[in-house]
Amino acid sequence: MGQVVVLGEPVRVMGYALAGVLTIEAEGQDVARAWASLPSDTSLVVLTPAAARALGEAVLAERGDALIVTMPP
């Protein structure tokens, strides 16, 4: 089974670590670097709205091997 990753601002992602999810805290330009370093076995990525905006639709479309969802605002 693949890895579940939650990516975005620290205040929005830190609680997911309690459920055993890999959390990656990143804001602004750091989001793109964090996205590029996702584990290769990632099967689900949950993005905060700000992280999704920082990446843009084109970047998100490039990764076809994982389900990508955005948290509600």
C-alpha atoms as a PDB file:
ATOM      1  CA  MET A   1       0.000   0.000   0.000  1.00  0.00           C
ATOM      2  CA  GLY A   2       1.235   3.475  -0.826  1.00  0.00           C
ATOM      3  CA  GLN A   3       2.073   6.419   1.362  1.00  0.00           C
ATOM      4  CA  VAL A   4      -0.471   9.077   2.354  1.00  0.00           C
ATOM      5  CA  VAL A   5       0.965  12.601   2.460  1.00  0.00           C
ATOM      6  CA  VAL A   6      -0.556  15.849   3.696  1.00  0.00           C
ATOM      7  CA  LEU A   7       1.231  18.938   2.377  1.00  0.00           C
ATOM      8  CA  GLY A   8       0.763  22.578   3.352  1.00  0.00           C
ATOM      9  CA  GLU A   9       0.930  25.128   6.138  1.00  0.00           C
ATOM     10  CA  PRO A  10       2.030  23.749   9.515  1.00  0.00           C
ATOM     11  CA  VAL A  11      -1.129  24.772  11.379  1.00  0.00           C
ATOM     12  CA  ARG A  12      -3.313  22.924   8.841  1.00  0.00           C
ATOM     13  CA  VAL A  13      -1.279  19.700   8.511  1.00  0.00           C
ATOM     14  CA  MET A  14       0.221  18.929  11.925  1.00  0.00           C
ATOM     15  CA  GLY A  15      -2.820  17.109  13.308  1.00  0.00           C
ATOM     16  CA  TYR A  16      -2.684  14.491  10.565  1.00  0.00           C
ATOM     17  CA  ALA A  17       0.579  13.155  11.990  1.00  0.00           C
ATOM     18  CA  LEU A  18      -1.450  11.797  14.908  1.00  0.00           C
ATOM     19  CA  ALA A  19      -3.121   9.423  12.435  1.00  0.00           C
ATOM     20  CA  GLY A  20       0.230   8.187  11.134  1.00  0.00           C
ATOM     21  CA  VAL A  21       0.173  10.260   7.968  1.00  0.00           C
ATOM     22  CA  LEU A  22       3.373  11.735   6.589  1.00  0.00           C
ATOM     23  CA  THR A  23       2.992  15.492   6.965  1.00  0.00           C
ATOM     24  CA  ILE A  24       5.135  17.917   5.014  1.00  0.00           C
ATOM     25  CA  GLU A  25       5.012  21.475   6.265  1.00  0.00           C
ATOM     26  CA  ALA A  26       5.631  23.998   3.492  1.00  0.00           C
ATOM     27  CA  GLU A  27       4.446  27.449   2.499  1.00  0.00           C
ATOM     28  CA  GLY A  28       4.991  29.723  -0.499  1.00  0.00           C
ATOM     29  CA  GLN A  29       7.889  28.720  -2.721  1.00  0.00           C
ATOM     30  CA  ASP A  30       8.785  25.818  -0.442  1.00  0.00           C
ATOM     31  CA  VAL A  31       5.651  23.989  -1.602  1.00  0.00           C
ATOM     32  CA  ALA A  32       7.145  23.264  -5.031  1.00  0.00           C
ATOM     33  CA  ARG A  33      10.327  21.881  -3.474  1.00  0.00           C
ATOM     34  CA  ALA A  34       8.301  19.720  -1.102  1.00  0.00           C
ATOM     35  CA  TRP A  35       6.159  18.480  -4.000  1.00  0.00           C
ATOM     36  CA  ALA A  36       9.250  17.475  -5.957  1.00  0.00           C
ATOM     37  CA  SER A  37      10.531  15.468  -2.998  1.00  0.00           C
ATOM     38  CA  LEU A  38       7.397  13.398  -2.341  1.00  0.00           C
ATOM     39  CA  PRO A  39       8.196   9.736  -1.652  1.00  0.00           C
ATOM     40  CA  SER A  40       8.003   7.572  -4.771  1.00  0.00           C
ATOM     41  CA  ASP A  41       5.421   5.285  -3.152  1.00  0.00           C
ATOM     42  CA  THR A  42       2.944   8.134  -2.521  1.00  0.00           C
ATOM     43  CA  SER A  43      -0.587   7.098  -3.486  1.00  0.00           C
ATOM     44  CA  LEU A  44      -2.631   9.924  -1.902  1.00  0.00           C
ATOM     45  CA  VAL A  45      -1.712  13.583  -1.482  1.00  0.00           C
ATOM     46  CA  VAL A  46      -3.916  15.924   0.534  1.00  0.00           C
ATOM     47  CA  LEU A  47      -3.116  19.585  -0.120  1.00  0.00           C
ATOM     48  CA  THR A  48      -4.175  22.652   1.791  1.00  0.00           C
ATOM     49  CA  PRO A  49      -5.892  25.243  -0.431  1.00  0.00           C
ATOM     50  CA  ALA A  50      -2.806  27.489  -0.269  1.00  0.00           C
ATOM     51  CA  ALA A  51      -0.508  24.631  -1.282  1.00  0.00           C
ATOM     52  CA  ALA A  52      -2.774  23.737  -4.210  1.00  0.00           C
ATOM     53  CA  ARG A  53      -2.733  27.368  -5.391  1.00  0.00           C
ATOM     54  CA  ALA A  54       1.057  27.517  -5.043  1.00  0.00           C
ATOM     55  CA  LEU A  55       1.471  24.429  -7.219  1.00  0.00           C
ATOM     56  CA  GLY A  56      -1.098  25.286  -9.870  1.00  0.00           C
ATOM     57  CA  GLU A  57      -3.144  22.962 -12.063  1.00  0.00           C
ATOM     58  CA  ALA A  58      -0.335  22.175 -14.519  1.00  0.00           C
ATOM     59  CA  VAL A  59       1.971  20.799 -11.830  1.00  0.00           C
ATOM     60  CA  LEU A  60      -0.813  18.751 -10.261  1.00  0.00           C
ATOM     61  CA  ALA A  61      -1.708  17.195 -13.621  1.00  0.00           C
ATOM     62  CA  GLU A  62       1.857  15.929 -14.084  1.00  0.00           C
ATOM     63  CA  ARG A  63       1.538  13.383 -11.282  1.00  0.00           C
ATOM     64  CA  GLY A  64      -0.755  10.641 -12.567  1.00  0.00           C
ATOM     65  CA  ASP A  65       0.374   7.956 -10.137  1.00  0.00           C
ATOM     66  CA  ALA A  66      -1.339   9.435  -7.072  1.00  0.00           C
ATOM     67  CA  LEU A  67      -4.780  10.653  -6.092  1.00  0.00           C
ATOM     68  CA  ILE A  68      -4.564  14.362  -5.275  1.00  0.00           C
ATOM     69  CA  VAL A  69      -7.215  16.152  -3.243  1.00  0.00           C
ATOM     70  CA  THR A  70      -7.506  19.636  -1.789  1.00  0.00           C
ATOM     71  CA  MET A  71      -8.876  20.341   1.691  1.00  0.00           C
ATOM     72  CA  PRO A  72     -11.886  22.602   1.901  1.00  0.00           C
ATOM     73  CA  PRO A  73     -11.078  26.192   2.901  1.00  0.00           C
END
